[in-house]
PDB file of all heavy atoms in Angstrom:
ATOM      1  N   LEU A   1      26.922  51.790  37.691  1.00  0.00           N
ATOM      2  CA  LEU A   1      26.917  50.431  37.235  1.00  0.00           C
ATOM      3  C   LEU A   1      27.463  49.467  38.252  1.00  0.00           C
ATOM      4  O   LEU A   1      27.057  48.240  38.293  1.00  0.00           O
ATOM      5  CB  LEU A   1      27.679  50.353  35.966  1.00  0.00           C
ATOM      6  CG  LEU A   1      27.235  51.139  34.683  1.00  0.00           C
ATOM      7  CD1 LEU A   1      28.145  50.850  33.519  1.00  0.00           C
ATOM      8  CD2 LEU A   1      25.748  50.870  34.384  1.00  0.00           C
ATOM      9  N   GLY A   2      28.388  49.890  39.119  1.00  0.00           N
ATOM     10  CA  GLY A   2      28.987  49.055  40.036  1.00  0.00           C
ATOM     11  C   GLY A   2      30.205  48.332  39.546  1.00  0.00           C
ATOM     12  O   GLY A   2      31.181  48.161  40.344  1.00  0.00           O
ATOM     13  N   CYS A   3      30.308  48.000  38.292  1.00  0.00           N
ATOM     14  CA  CYS A   3      31.501  47.349  37.747  1.00  0.00           C
ATOM     15  C   CYS A   3      31.523  47.398  36.294  1.00  0.00           C
ATOM     16  O   CYS A   3      30.486  47.615  35.710  1.00  0.00           O
ATOM     17  CB  CYS A   3      31.637  45.861  38.251  1.00  0.00           C
ATOM     18  SG  CYS A   3      30.249  44.835  37.720  1.00  0.00           S
ATOM     19  N   LEU A   4      32.685  47.202  35.606  1.00  0.00           N
ATOM     20  CA  LEU A   4      32.805  47.193  34.258  1.00  0.00           C
ATOM     21  C   LEU A   4      33.512  45.824  33.932  1.00  0.00           C
ATOM     22  O   LEU A   4      34.645  45.659  34.178  1.00  0.00           O
ATOM     23  CB  LEU A   4      33.668  48.347  33.690  1.00  0.00           C
ATOM     24  CG  LEU A   4      33.121  49.750  33.970  1.00  0.00           C
ATOM     25  CD1 LEU A   4      34.293  50.724  33.595  1.00  0.00           C
ATOM     26  CD2 LEU A   4      31.870  50.113  33.449  1.00  0.00           C
ATOM     27  N   GLN A   5      32.844  44.901  33.241  1.00  0.00           N
ATOM     28  CA  GLN A   5      33.420  43.621  32.951  1.00  0.00           C
ATOM     29  C   GLN A   5      34.550  43.713  32.043  1.00  0.00           C
ATOM     30  O   GLN A   5      34.525  44.416  31.004  1.00  0.00           O
ATOM     31  CB  GLN A   5      32.323  42.691  32.380  1.00  0.00           C
ATOM     32  CG  GLN A   5      32.885  41.250  32.056  1.00  0.00           C
ATOM     33  CD  GLN A   5      31.718  40.290  31.622  1.00  0.00           C
ATOM     34  OE1 GLN A   5      30.598  40.531  31.879  1.00  0.00           O
ATOM     35  NE2 GLN A   5      32.133  39.206  30.922  1.00  0.00           N
ATOM     36  N   LEU A   6      35.638  42.993  32.385  1.00  0.00           N
ATOM     37  CA  LEU A   6      36.824  42.937  31.616  1.00  0.00           C
ATOM     38  C   LEU A   6      36.690  41.608  30.644  1.00  0.00           C
ATOM     39  O   LEU A   6      36.237  40.577  31.086  1.00  0.00           O
ATOM     40  CB  LEU A   6      38.037  42.763  32.430  1.00  0.00           C
ATOM     41  CG  LEU A   6      38.452  43.997  33.209  1.00  0.00           C
ATOM     42  CD1 LEU A   6      39.495  43.682  34.263  1.00  0.00           C
ATOM     43  CD2 LEU A   6      38.942  45.124  32.249  1.00  0.00           C
ATOM     44  N   ASP A   7      37.058  41.830  29.396  1.00  0.00           N
ATOM     45  CA  ASP A   7      37.106  40.697  28.537  1.00  0.00           C
ATOM     46  C   ASP A   7      38.219  40.839  27.467  1.00  0.00           C
ATOM     47  O   ASP A   7      38.311  42.079  26.938  1.00  0.00           O
ATOM     48  CB  ASP A   7      35.755  40.505  27.798  1.00  0.00           C
ATOM     49  CG  ASP A   7      35.693  39.194  26.980  1.00  0.00           C
ATOM     50  OD1 ASP A   7      35.407  38.153  27.519  1.00  0.00           O
ATOM     51  OD2 ASP A   7      36.020  39.219  25.765  1.00  0.00           O
ATOM     52  N   PRO A   8      39.073  39.854  27.184  1.00  0.00           N
ATOM     53  CA  PRO A   8      40.174  40.143  26.305  1.00  0.00           C
ATOM     54  C   PRO A   8      39.898  40.363  24.864  1.00  0.00           C
ATOM     55  O   PRO A   8      40.714  40.782  24.010  1.00  0.00           O
ATOM     56  CB  PRO A   8      40.913  38.915  26.548  1.00  0.00           C
ATOM     57  CG  PRO A   8      40.050  37.865  26.846  1.00  0.00           C
ATOM     58  CD  PRO A   8      38.913  38.497  27.699  1.00  0.00           C
ATOM     59  N   ILE A   9      38.636  39.963  24.344  1.00  0.00           N
ATOM     60  CA  ILE A   9      38.340  39.973  22.925  1.00  0.00           C
ATOM     61  C   ILE A   9      38.157  41.453  22.477  1.00  0.00           C
ATOM     62  O   ILE A   9      37.463  42.199  23.156  1.00  0.00           O
ATOM     63  CB  ILE A   9      37.065  39.120  22.677  1.00  0.00           C
ATOM     64  CG1 ILE A   9      37.294  37.722  22.952  1.00  0.00           C
ATOM     65  CG2 ILE A   9      36.680  39.261  21.211  1.00  0.00           C
ATOM     66  CD1 ILE A   9      36.052  36.836  22.965  1.00  0.00           C
ATOM     67  N   SER A  10      38.785  41.808  21.395  1.00  0.00           N
ATOM     68  CA  SER A  10      38.632  43.187  20.925  1.00  0.00           C
ATOM     69  C   SER A  10      38.412  43.176  19.367  1.00  0.00           C
ATOM     70  O   SER A  10      39.112  43.818  18.671  1.00  0.00           O
ATOM     71  CB  SER A  10      39.907  43.999  21.293  1.00  0.00           C
ATOM     72  OG  SER A  10      41.096  43.375  20.716  1.00  0.00           O
ATOM     73  N   ALA A  11      37.443  42.470  18.934  1.00  0.00           N
ATOM     74  CA  ALA A  11      37.034  42.488  17.567  1.00  0.00           C
ATOM     75  C   ALA A  11      36.607  43.821  17.109  1.00  0.00           C
ATOM     76  O   ALA A  11      36.843  44.225  15.980  1.00  0.00           O
ATOM     77  CB  ALA A  11      35.857  41.474  17.267  1.00  0.00           C
ATOM     78  N   VAL A  12      36.035  44.552  18.049  1.00  0.00           N
ATOM     79  CA  VAL A  12      35.750  45.945  17.798  1.00  0.00           C
ATOM     80  C   VAL A  12      36.583  46.857  18.728  1.00  0.00           C
ATOM     81  O   VAL A  12      37.268  47.745  18.337  1.00  0.00           O
ATOM     82  CB  VAL A  12      34.278  46.276  17.999  1.00  0.00           C
ATOM     83  CG1 VAL A  12      33.894  47.713  17.832  1.00  0.00           C
ATOM     84  CG2 VAL A  12      33.365  45.366  17.116  1.00  0.00           C
ATOM     85  N   ALA A  13      36.420  46.637  20.033  1.00  0.00           N
ATOM     86  CA  ALA A  13      37.175  47.370  21.072  1.00  0.00           C
ATOM     87  C   ALA A  13      37.000  46.447  22.317  1.00  0.00           C
ATOM     88  O   ALA A  13      36.039  45.598  22.404  1.00  0.00           O
ATOM     89  CB  ALA A  13      36.759  48.706  21.315  1.00  0.00           C
ATOM     90  N   ARG A  14      37.851  46.673  23.361  1.00  0.00           N
ATOM     91  CA  ARG A  14      37.615  45.950  24.618  1.00  0.00           C
ATOM     92  C   ARG A  14      36.271  46.252  25.250  1.00  0.00           C
ATOM     93  O   ARG A  14      35.872  47.403  25.147  1.00  0.00           O
ATOM     94  CB  ARG A  14      38.711  46.216  25.582  1.00  0.00           C
ATOM     95  CG  ARG A  14      40.165  45.841  25.173  1.00  0.00           C
ATOM     96  CD  ARG A  14      40.319  44.348  25.395  1.00  0.00           C
ATOM     97  NE  ARG A  14      40.095  43.911  26.809  1.00  0.00           N
ATOM     98  CZ  ARG A  14      41.062  44.060  27.769  1.00  0.00           C
ATOM     99  NH1 ARG A  14      42.220  44.589  27.529  1.00  0.00           N
ATOM    100  NH2 ARG A  14      40.741  43.626  29.003  1.00  0.00           N
ATOM    101  N   SER A  15      35.602  45.334  25.741  1.00  0.00           N
ATOM    102  CA  SER A  15      34.197  45.438  26.219  1.00  0.00           C
ATOM    103  C   SER A  15      34.078  46.592  27.235  1.00  0.00           C
ATOM    104  O   SER A  15      33.107  47.345  27.136  1.00  0.00           O
ATOM    105  CB  SER A  15      33.722  44.156  26.839  1.00  0.00           C
ATOM    106  OG  SER A  15      32.488  44.265  27.357  1.00  0.00           O
ATOM    107  N   HIS A  16      34.947  46.692  28.146  1.00  0.00           N
ATOM    108  CA  HIS A  16      34.783  47.741  29.174  1.00  0.00           C
ATOM    109  C   HIS A  16      34.780  49.196  28.587  1.00  0.00           C
ATOM    110  O   HIS A  16      34.135  50.080  29.095  1.00  0.00           O
ATOM    111  CB  HIS A  16      35.707  47.603  30.377  1.00  0.00           C
ATOM    112  CG  HIS A  16      37.125  47.778  29.961  1.00  0.00           C
ATOM    113  ND1 HIS A  16      37.909  46.857  29.326  1.00  0.00           N
ATOM    114  CD2 HIS A  16      37.982  48.869  30.067  1.00  0.00           C
ATOM    115  CE1 HIS A  16      39.164  47.306  29.060  1.00  0.00           C
ATOM    116  NE2 HIS A  16      39.224  48.501  29.542  1.00  0.00           N
ATOM    117  N   THR A  17      35.602  49.291  27.471  1.00  0.00           N
ATOM    118  CA  THR A  17      35.672  50.649  26.899  1.00  0.00           C
ATOM    119  C   THR A  17      34.397  50.939  26.135  1.00  0.00           C
ATOM    120  O   THR A  17      33.960  52.070  25.995  1.00  0.00           O
ATOM    121  CB  THR A  17      36.871  50.659  25.947  1.00  0.00           C
ATOM    122  OG1 THR A  17      36.716  49.834  24.781  1.00  0.00           O
ATOM    123  CG2 THR A  17      38.204  50.382  26.605  1.00  0.00           C
ATOM    124  N   LEU A  18      33.740  49.778  25.522  1.00  0.00           N
ATOM    125  CA  LEU A  18      32.473  49.978  24.836  1.00  0.00           C
ATOM    126  C   LEU A  18      31.326  50.337  25.804  1.00  0.00           C
ATOM    127  O   LEU A  18      30.477  51.140  25.524  1.00  0.00           O
ATOM    128  CB  LEU A  18      32.125  48.746  24.097  1.00  0.00           C
ATOM    129  CG  LEU A  18      32.983  48.415  22.820  1.00  0.00           C
ATOM    130  CD1 LEU A  18      32.613  47.103  22.277  1.00  0.00           C
ATOM    131  CD2 LEU A  18      32.787  49.534  21.738  1.00  0.00           C
ATOM    132  N   VAL A  19      31.372  49.732  27.010  1.00  0.00           N
ATOM    133  CA  VAL A  19      30.346  49.981  28.023  1.00  0.00           C
ATOM    134  C   VAL A  19      30.351  51.515  28.427  1.00  0.00           C
ATOM    135  O   VAL A  19      29.354  52.150  28.473  1.00  0.00           O
ATOM    136  CB  VAL A  19      30.519  49.145  29.222  1.00  0.00           C
ATOM    137  CG1 VAL A  19      29.646  49.553  30.364  1.00  0.00           C
ATOM    138  CG2 VAL A  19      30.281  47.645  28.897  1.00  0.00           C
ATOM    139  N   VAL A  20      31.580  52.046  28.558  1.00  0.00           N
ATOM    140  CA  VAL A  20      31.727  53.386  28.818  1.00  0.00           C
ATOM    141  C   VAL A  20      31.265  54.259  27.631  1.00  0.00           C
ATOM    142  O   VAL A  20      30.479  55.229  27.829  1.00  0.00           O
ATOM    143  CB  VAL A  20      33.095  53.821  29.327  1.00  0.00           C
ATOM    144  CG1 VAL A  20      33.273  55.340  29.396  1.00  0.00           C
ATOM    145  CG2 VAL A  20      33.519  53.090  30.568  1.00  0.00           C
ATOM    146  N   PHE A  21      31.671  53.903  26.501  1.00  0.00           N
ATOM    147  CA  PHE A  21      31.284  54.654  25.286  1.00  0.00           C
ATOM    148  C   PHE A  21      29.741  54.747  25.143  1.00  0.00           C
ATOM    149  O   PHE A  21      29.216  55.781  24.782  1.00  0.00           O
ATOM    150  CB  PHE A  21      31.914  53.929  24.037  1.00  0.00           C
ATOM    151  CG  PHE A  21      31.115  54.217  22.800  1.00  0.00           C
ATOM    152  CD1 PHE A  21      31.223  55.471  22.145  1.00  0.00           C
ATOM    153  CD2 PHE A  21      30.287  53.360  22.166  1.00  0.00           C
ATOM    154  CE1 PHE A  21      30.477  55.775  20.925  1.00  0.00           C
ATOM    155  CE2 PHE A  21      29.659  53.501  20.987  1.00  0.00           C
ATOM    156  CZ  PHE A  21      29.739  54.747  20.414  1.00  0.00           C
ATOM    157  N   SER A  22      29.088  53.708  25.476  1.00  0.00           N
ATOM    158  CA  SER A  22      27.659  53.640  25.264  1.00  0.00           C
ATOM    159  C   SER A  22      26.991  54.746  26.210  1.00  0.00           C
ATOM    160  O   SER A  22      25.833  55.100  25.905  1.00  0.00           O
ATOM    161  CB  SER A  22      26.959  52.294  25.599  1.00  0.00           C
ATOM    162  OG  SER A  22      27.468  51.415  24.698  1.00  0.00           O
ATOM    163  N   ARG A  23      27.629  55.116  27.304  1.00  0.00           N
ATOM    164  CA  ARG A  23      27.030  56.030  28.263  1.00  0.00           C
ATOM    165  C   ARG A  23      27.487  57.497  28.011  1.00  0.00           C
ATOM    166  O   ARG A  23      26.774  58.426  28.312  1.00  0.00           O
ATOM    167  CB  ARG A  23      27.410  55.629  29.603  1.00  0.00           C
ATOM    168  CG  ARG A  23      26.468  54.594  30.242  1.00  0.00           C
ATOM    169  CD  ARG A  23      26.924  53.205  30.002  1.00  0.00           C
ATOM    170  NE  ARG A  23      26.000  52.235  30.467  1.00  0.00           N
ATOM    171  CZ  ARG A  23      25.881  50.997  30.000  1.00  0.00           C
ATOM    172  NH1 ARG A  23      26.672  50.576  29.103  1.00  0.00           N
ATOM    173  NH2 ARG A  23      24.960  50.153  30.625  1.00  0.00           N
ATOM    174  N   VAL A  24      28.807  57.603  27.585  1.00  0.00           N
ATOM    175  CA  VAL A  24      29.279  59.059  27.449  1.00  0.00           C
ATOM    176  C   VAL A  24      29.589  59.445  26.007  1.00  0.00           C
ATOM    177  O   VAL A  24      29.864  60.646  25.767  1.00  0.00           O
ATOM    178  CB  VAL A  24      30.541  59.166  28.265  1.00  0.00           C
ATOM    179  CG1 VAL A  24      30.363  58.776  29.783  1.00  0.00           C
ATOM    180  CG2 VAL A  24      31.729  58.460  27.725  1.00  0.00           C
ATOM    181  N   GLY A  25      29.413  58.605  25.089  1.00  0.00           N
ATOM    182  CA  GLY A  25      29.826  58.872  23.680  1.00  0.00           C
ATOM    183  C   GLY A  25      31.313  58.703  23.520  1.00  0.00           C
ATOM    184  O   GLY A  25      31.994  58.149  24.342  1.00  0.00           O
ATOM    185  N   ALA A  26      31.809  59.250  22.407  1.00  0.00           N
ATOM    186  CA  ALA A  26      33.214  59.121  22.116  1.00  0.00           C
ATOM    187  C   ALA A  26      34.032  59.802  23.155  1.00  0.00           C
ATOM    188  O   ALA A  26      33.767  60.874  23.523  1.00  0.00           O
ATOM    189  CB  ALA A  26      33.544  59.754  20.688  1.00  0.00           C
ATOM    190  N   TYR A  27      35.134  59.123  23.712  1.00  0.00           N
ATOM    191  CA  TYR A  27      35.949  59.686  24.760  1.00  0.00           C
ATOM    192  C   TYR A  27      37.331  59.254  24.561  1.00  0.00           C
ATOM    193  O   TYR A  27      37.639  58.271  23.906  1.00  0.00           O
ATOM    194  CB  TYR A  27      35.309  59.241  26.081  1.00  0.00           C
ATOM    195  CG  TYR A  27      35.541  57.766  26.482  1.00  0.00           C
ATOM    196  CD1 TYR A  27      36.587  57.321  27.272  1.00  0.00           C
ATOM    197  CD2 TYR A  27      34.713  56.872  25.955  1.00  0.00           C
ATOM    198  CE1 TYR A  27      36.688  55.983  27.530  1.00  0.00           C
ATOM    199  CE2 TYR A  27      34.850  55.427  26.132  1.00  0.00           C
ATOM    200  CZ  TYR A  27      35.841  55.048  26.932  1.00  0.00           C
ATOM    201  OH  TYR A  27      36.019  53.759  27.302  1.00  0.00           O
ATOM    202  N   ASP A  28      38.272  59.932  25.229  1.00  0.00           N
ATOM    203  CA  ASP A  28      39.654  59.649  25.238  1.00  0.00           C
ATOM    204  C   ASP A  28      39.932  58.493  26.254  1.00  0.00           C
ATOM    205  O   ASP A  28      39.660  58.685  27.459  1.00  0.00           O
ATOM    206  CB  ASP A  28      40.430  60.875  25.529  1.00  0.00           C
ATOM    207  CG  ASP A  28      41.891  60.688  25.373  1.00  0.00           C
ATOM    208  OD1 ASP A  28      42.426  59.463  25.363  1.00  0.00           O
ATOM    209  OD2 ASP A  28      42.689  61.697  25.320  1.00  0.00           O
ATOM    210  N   LEU A  29      40.444  57.400  25.812  1.00  0.00           N
ATOM    211  CA  LEU A  29      40.740  56.256  26.794  1.00  0.00           C
ATOM    212  C   LEU A  29      41.621  56.676  27.899  1.00  0.00           C
ATOM    213  O   LEU A  29      41.708  55.926  28.892  1.00  0.00           O
ATOM    214  CB  LEU A  29      41.326  55.119  25.945  1.00  0.00           C
ATOM    215  CG  LEU A  29      40.423  54.387  24.948  1.00  0.00           C
ATOM    216  CD1 LEU A  29      41.240  53.393  24.228  1.00  0.00           C
ATOM    217  CD2 LEU A  29      39.178  53.841  25.606  1.00  0.00           C
ATOM    218  N   LYS A  30      42.413  57.757  27.655  1.00  0.00           N
ATOM    219  CA  LYS A  30      43.333  58.248  28.808  1.00  0.00           C
ATOM    220  C   LYS A  30      42.559  58.619  30.000  1.00  0.00           C
ATOM    221  O   LYS A  30      43.158  58.613  31.087  1.00  0.00           O
ATOM    222  CB  LYS A  30      44.177  59.319  28.196  1.00  0.00           C
ATOM    223  CG  LYS A  30      45.197  58.928  27.196  1.00  0.00           C
ATOM    224  CD  LYS A  30      45.995  60.104  26.727  1.00  0.00           C
ATOM    225  CE  LYS A  30      47.063  59.699  25.571  1.00  0.00           C
ATOM    226  NZ  LYS A  30      47.794  60.832  25.057  1.00  0.00           N
ATOM    227  N   GLN A  31      41.252  59.030  29.833  1.00  0.00           N
ATOM    228  CA  GLN A  31      40.512  59.457  30.953  1.00  0.00           C
ATOM    229  C   GLN A  31      40.212  58.261  31.902  1.00  0.00           C
ATOM    230  O   GLN A  31      40.219  58.272  33.118  1.00  0.00           O
ATOM    231  CB  GLN A  31      39.124  59.976  30.463  1.00  0.00           C
ATOM    232  CG  GLN A  31      39.309  61.293  29.687  1.00  0.00           C
ATOM    233  CD  GLN A  31      39.756  62.520  30.452  1.00  0.00           C
ATOM    234  OE1 GLN A  31      39.654  62.503  31.658  1.00  0.00           O
ATOM    235  NE2 GLN A  31      40.400  63.434  29.860  1.00  0.00           N
ATOM    236  N   LEU A  32      39.929  57.060  31.157  1.00  0.00           N
ATOM    237  CA  LEU A  32      39.729  55.905  31.966  1.00  0.00           C
ATOM    238  C   LEU A  32      41.031  55.361  32.606  1.00  0.00           C
ATOM    239  O   LEU A  32      41.041  54.914  33.810  1.00  0.00           O
ATOM    240  CB  LEU A  32      39.103  54.766  31.048  1.00  0.00           C
ATOM    241  CG  LEU A  32      38.788  53.479  31.754  1.00  0.00           C
ATOM    242  CD1 LEU A  32      37.845  53.537  32.935  1.00  0.00           C
ATOM    243  CD2 LEU A  32      38.202  52.493  30.732  1.00  0.00           C
ATOM    244  N   ASP A  33      42.105  55.485  31.915  1.00  0.00           N
ATOM    245  CA  ASP A  33      43.395  55.088  32.341  1.00  0.00           C
ATOM    246  C   ASP A  33      43.800  55.959  33.614  1.00  0.00           C
ATOM    247  O   ASP A  33      44.250  55.432  34.569  1.00  0.00           O
ATOM    248  CB  ASP A  33      44.462  55.149  31.336  1.00  0.00           C
ATOM    249  CG  ASP A  33      44.428  54.069  30.273  1.00  0.00           C
ATOM    250  OD1 ASP A  33      43.757  53.060  30.569  1.00  0.00           O
ATOM    251  OD2 ASP A  33      44.966  54.233  29.176  1.00  0.00           O
ATOM    252  N   LYS A  34      43.389  57.179  33.466  1.00  0.00           N
ATOM    253  CA  LYS A  34      43.699  58.130  34.672  1.00  0.00           C
ATOM    254  C   LYS A  34      42.971  57.619  35.914  1.00  0.00           C
ATOM    255  O   LYS A  34      43.616  57.647  37.021  1.00  0.00           O
ATOM    256  CB  LYS A  34      43.283  59.498  34.308  1.00  0.00           C
ATOM    257  CG  LYS A  34      43.439  60.545  35.367  1.00  0.00           C
ATOM    258  CD  LYS A  34      42.986  61.945  34.908  1.00  0.00           C
ATOM    259  CE  LYS A  34      43.249  63.049  36.007  1.00  0.00           C
ATOM    260  NZ  LYS A  34      42.464  62.844  37.216  1.00  0.00           N
ATOM    261  N   LEU A  35      41.788  57.276  35.762  1.00  0.00           N
ATOM    262  CA  LEU A  35      40.928  56.773  36.957  1.00  0.00           C
ATOM    263  C   LEU A  35      41.574  55.493  37.481  1.00  0.00           C
ATOM    264  O   LEU A  35      41.618  55.265  38.662  1.00  0.00           O
ATOM    265  CB  LEU A  35      39.539  56.511  36.544  1.00  0.00           C
ATOM    266  CG  LEU A  35      38.773  57.802  36.264  1.00  0.00           C
ATOM    267  CD1 LEU A  35      37.355  57.310  35.614  1.00  0.00           C
ATOM    268  CD2 LEU A  35      38.454  58.532  37.549  1.00  0.00           C
ATOM    269  N   LEU A  36      42.172  54.650  36.671  1.00  0.00           N
ATOM    270  CA  LEU A  36      42.681  53.366  37.039  1.00  0.00           C
ATOM    271  C   LEU A  36      44.113  53.568  37.642  1.00  0.00           C
ATOM    272  O   LEU A  36      44.428  53.031  38.699  1.00  0.00           O
ATOM    273  CB  LEU A  36      42.692  52.364  35.896  1.00  0.00           C
ATOM    274  CG  LEU A  36      41.506  51.673  35.535  1.00  0.00           C
ATOM    275  CD1 LEU A  36      41.591  51.032  34.100  1.00  0.00           C
ATOM    276  CD2 LEU A  36      41.212  50.505  36.538  1.00  0.00           C
ATOM    277  N   TRP A  37      44.998  54.102  36.923  1.00  0.00           N
ATOM    278  CA  TRP A  37      46.411  54.054  37.164  1.00  0.00           C
ATOM    279  C   TRP A  37      46.995  55.293  37.908  1.00  0.00           C
ATOM    280  O   TRP A  37      48.044  55.270  38.513  1.00  0.00           O
ATOM    281  CB  TRP A  37      47.268  53.787  35.906  1.00  0.00           C
ATOM    282  CG  TRP A  37      46.626  52.682  35.043  1.00  0.00           C
ATOM    283  CD1 TRP A  37      46.358  52.865  33.747  1.00  0.00           C
ATOM    284  CD2 TRP A  37      46.157  51.452  35.423  1.00  0.00           C
ATOM    285  NE1 TRP A  37      45.834  51.690  33.299  1.00  0.00           N
ATOM    286  CE2 TRP A  37      45.625  50.763  34.298  1.00  0.00           C
ATOM    287  CE3 TRP A  37      46.185  50.671  36.660  1.00  0.00           C
ATOM    288  CZ2 TRP A  37      45.122  49.514  34.325  1.00  0.00           C
ATOM    289  CZ3 TRP A  37      45.618  49.421  36.643  1.00  0.00           C
ATOM    290  CH2 TRP A  37      45.133  48.841  35.485  1.00  0.00           C
ATOM    291  N   GLU A  38      46.282  56.479  37.806  1.00  0.00           N
ATOM    292  CA  GLU A  38      46.759  57.695  38.444  1.00  0.00           C
ATOM    293  C   GLU A  38      45.964  57.985  39.708  1.00  0.00           C
ATOM    294  O   GLU A  38      46.378  58.021  40.794  1.00  0.00           O
ATOM    295  CB  GLU A  38      46.671  58.914  37.472  1.00  0.00           C
ATOM    296  CG  GLU A  38      47.628  58.794  36.334  1.00  0.00           C
ATOM    297  CD  GLU A  38      47.585  59.936  35.381  1.00  0.00           C
ATOM    298  OE1 GLU A  38      47.267  61.034  35.803  1.00  0.00           O
ATOM    299  OE2 GLU A  38      47.857  59.701  34.181  1.00  0.00           O
ATOM    300  N   ASP A  39      44.596  58.264  39.517  1.00  0.00           N
ATOM    301  CA  ASP A  39      43.777  58.470  40.659  1.00  0.00           C
ATOM    302  C   ASP A  39      43.547  57.255  41.532  1.00  0.00           C
ATOM    303  O   ASP A  39      43.255  57.315  42.688  1.00  0.00           O
ATOM    304  CB  ASP A  39      42.408  59.027  40.177  1.00  0.00           C
ATOM    305  CG  ASP A  39      42.526  60.356  39.335  1.00  0.00           C
ATOM    306  OD1 ASP A  39      43.543  60.913  39.439  1.00  0.00           O
ATOM    307  OD2 ASP A  39      41.513  60.700  38.663  1.00  0.00           O
ATOM    308  N   ARG A  40      43.578  56.113  40.877  1.00  0.00           N
ATOM    309  CA  ARG A  40      43.283  54.857  41.536  1.00  0.00           C
ATOM    310  C   ARG A  40      41.899  54.812  42.216  1.00  0.00           C
ATOM    311  O   ARG A  40      41.768  54.193  43.270  1.00  0.00           O
ATOM    312  CB  ARG A  40      44.428  54.488  42.424  1.00  0.00           C
ATOM    313  CG  ARG A  40      45.743  54.399  41.742  1.00  0.00           C
ATOM    314  CD  ARG A  40      46.863  54.037  42.574  1.00  0.00           C
ATOM    315  NE  ARG A  40      48.150  54.112  41.741  1.00  0.00           N
ATOM    316  CZ  ARG A  40      49.367  53.685  42.114  1.00  0.00           C
ATOM    317  NH1 ARG A  40      49.530  53.198  43.346  1.00  0.00           N
ATOM    318  NH2 ARG A  40      50.440  53.728  41.355  1.00  0.00           N
ATOM    319  N   ALA A  41      40.961  55.489  41.566  1.00  0.00           N
ATOM    320  CA  ALA A  41      39.638  55.461  42.002  1.00  0.00           C
ATOM    321  C   ALA A  41      38.944  54.133  41.610  1.00  0.00           C
ATOM    322  O   ALA A  41      37.863  53.792  42.102  1.00  0.00           O
ATOM    323  CB  ALA A  41      38.871  56.639  41.503  1.00  0.00           C
ATOM    324  N   LEU A  42      39.612  53.426  40.652  1.00  0.00           N
ATOM    325  CA  LEU A  42      39.113  52.173  40.158  1.00  0.00           C
ATOM    326  C   LEU A  42      40.309  51.141  40.258  1.00  0.00           C
ATOM    327  O   LEU A  42      41.476  51.555  40.179  1.00  0.00           O
ATOM    328  CB  LEU A  42      38.640  52.220  38.716  1.00  0.00           C
ATOM    329  CG  LEU A  42      37.572  53.261  38.388  1.00  0.00           C
ATOM    330  CD1 LEU A  42      37.321  53.452  36.832  1.00  0.00           C
ATOM    331  CD2 LEU A  42      36.212  52.889  39.041  1.00  0.00           C
TER     332      LEU A  42
END
C-alpha cells in the first residue's frame, strides 16, 4: 500500500487499523504495535 493514513476519529475504530483489517481479517493490534514500536519497521 505504501502507507496507512492516520485519522483520530474512531466511531468504529481508527482508520489505519480498519485498513489492515480489510486485508488480513481480524487481527491482534499488538502485531501492528510491534512493527511500529519494537521492530520499528514502520
